[in-house]
C-alpha atoms as a PDB file:
ATOM      1  CA  MET A   1     -11.699   7.440  -8.753  1.00  0.00           C
ATOM      2  CA  THR A   2      -9.356   8.960 -11.338  1.00  0.00           C
ATOM      3  CA  ILE A   3      -9.114  12.728 -11.675  1.00  0.00           C
ATOM      4  CA  PRO A   4      -7.109  14.181 -14.592  1.00  0.00           C
ATOM      5  CA  VAL A   5      -3.773  15.689 -13.510  1.00  0.00           C
ATOM      6  CA  ALA A   6      -4.566  18.925 -15.366  1.00  0.00           C
ATOM      7  CA  VAL A   7      -7.707  19.355 -13.245  1.00  0.00           C
ATOM      8  CA  LEU A   8      -5.763  18.676 -10.037  1.00  0.00           C
ATOM      9  CA  ALA A   9      -3.115  21.232 -11.050  1.00  0.00           C
ATOM     10  CA  GLN A  10      -5.751  23.914 -11.639  1.00  0.00           C
ATOM     11  CA  VAL A  11      -6.840  23.735  -8.012  1.00  0.00           C
ATOM     12  CA  GLY A  12      -3.419  23.074  -6.456  1.00  0.00           C
ATOM     13  CA  ILE A  13      -3.939  19.405  -5.599  1.00  0.00           C
ATOM     14  CA  ASP A  14      -1.149  16.932  -6.288  1.00  0.00           C
ATOM     15  CA  PRO A  15      -1.614  13.289  -7.252  1.00  0.00           C
ATOM     16  CA  GLY A  16      -1.820  11.274  -4.036  1.00  0.00           C
ATOM     17  CA  ASP A  17      -3.204  14.119  -1.892  1.00  0.00           C
ATOM     18  CA  GLU A  18      -6.074  13.082   0.351  1.00  0.00           C
ATOM     19  CA  LEU A  19      -9.444  14.645  -0.350  1.00  0.00           C
ATOM     20  CA  LYS A  20     -12.549  15.271   1.767  1.00  0.00           C
ATOM     21  CA  VAL A  21     -15.840  14.331   0.143  1.00  0.00           C
ATOM     22  CA  GLY A  22     -18.865  16.479   0.816  1.00  0.00           C
ATOM     23  CA  VAL A  23     -22.287  17.242  -0.588  1.00  0.00           C
ATOM     24  CA  ASP A  24     -23.543  20.633  -1.769  1.00  0.00           C
ATOM     25  CA  GLY A  25     -27.173  20.310  -2.784  1.00  0.00           C
ATOM     26  CA  GLY A  26     -27.153  17.511  -5.342  1.00  0.00           C
ATOM     27  CA  ARG A  27     -23.429  17.826  -6.118  1.00  0.00           C
ATOM     28  CA  ILE A  28     -20.491  15.853  -4.785  1.00  0.00           C
ATOM     29  CA  VAL A  29     -17.717  18.202  -3.638  1.00  0.00           C
ATOM     30  CA  LEU A  30     -14.062  17.201  -3.296  1.00  0.00           C
ATOM     31  CA  GLU A  31     -11.681  19.329  -1.202  1.00  0.00           C
ATOM     32  CA  PRO A  32      -8.133  18.839   0.061  1.00  0.00           C
ATOM     33  CA  ALA A  33      -8.189  17.062   3.419  1.00  0.00           C
ATOM     34  CA  LEU A  34      -5.394  19.389   4.561  1.00  0.00           C
ATOM     35  CA  SER A  35      -4.949  23.141   4.068  1.00  0.00           C
ATOM     36  CA  LEU A  36      -2.225  24.348   1.710  1.00  0.00           C
ATOM     37  CA  ALA A  37       0.022  25.214   4.673  1.00  0.00           C
ATOM     38  CA  GLU A  38      -0.525  21.754   6.193  1.00  0.00           C
ATOM     39  CA  ARG A  39       0.209  20.067   2.848  1.00  0.00           C
ATOM     40  CA  ARG A  40       3.451  22.053   2.539  1.00  0.00           C
ATOM     41  CA  ARG A  41       4.504  21.078   6.071  1.00  0.00           C
ATOM     42  CA  GLU A  42       3.708  17.431   5.306  1.00  0.00           C
ATOM     43  CA  ALA A  43       5.791  17.586   2.108  1.00  0.00           C
ATOM     44  CA  LEU A  44       8.712  19.009   4.085  1.00  0.00           C
ATOM     45  CA  ARG A  45       8.375  16.259   6.706  1.00  0.00           C
ATOM     46  CA  ARG A  46       8.351  13.583   3.973  1.00  0.00           C
ATOM     47  CA  HIS A  47      11.489  14.903   2.292  1.00  0.00           C
ATOM     48  CA  ALA A  48      13.507  16.280   5.216  1.00  0.00           C
ATOM     49  CA  GLY A  49      16.768  14.404   5.545  1.00  0.00           C
ATOM     50  CA  ALA A  50      16.433  12.711   2.146  1.00  0.00           C
ATOM     51  CA  PHE A  51      20.006  13.629   1.232  1.00  0.00           C
ATOM     52  CA  THR A  52      21.629  12.757   4.559  1.00  0.00           C
ATOM     53  CA  GLY A  53      24.916  10.993   3.877  1.00  0.00           C
ATOM     54  CA  LEU A  54      25.079  12.143   0.261  1.00  0.00           C
ATOM     55  CA  TYR A  55      28.426  13.870   0.843  1.00  0.00           C
ATOM     56  CA  PRO A  56      31.267  12.582   3.007  1.00  0.00           C
ATOM     57  CA  PRO A  57      31.928  14.432   6.290  1.00  0.00           C
ATOM     58  CA  GLY A  58      33.770  17.712   5.729  1.00  0.00           C
ATOM     59  CA  TYR A  59      33.068  17.831   1.977  1.00  0.00           C
ATOM     60  CA  LEU A  60      30.911  20.949   2.049  1.00  0.00           C
ATOM     61  CA  GLU A  61      33.331  22.791   4.342  1.00  0.00           C
ATOM     62  CA  ASP A  62      36.171  21.984   1.922  1.00  0.00           C
ATOM     63  CA  LEU A  63      34.076  23.249  -0.976  1.00  0.00           C
ATOM     64  CA  ARG A  64      33.318  26.490   0.869  1.00  0.00           C
ATOM     65  CA  ASP A  65      37.030  26.920   1.581  1.00  0.00           C
ATOM     66  CA  GLU A  66      37.699  26.675  -2.178  1.00  0.00           C
ATOM     67  CA  TRP A  67      35.234  29.513  -2.821  1.00  0.00           C
ATOM     68  CA  GLU A  68      37.063  31.790  -0.362  1.00  0.00           C
ATOM     69  CA  ARG A  69      40.421  31.410  -2.109  1.00  0.00           C
END
């Protein structure tokens, strides 16, 4: 099923988020499978450590030392 991105954005759902499917009377209802807090935690888990190794050891300390001069 394809849902327009603009519609997803209106309700705070991102492309790729899992949805629960339910029924309300004669209507099909789609809801996020996870709460907003759970989706945020999952996003953090997915991206945590993504930049490990980006800078050589000691680089950030050297940069901070430059700011203190």
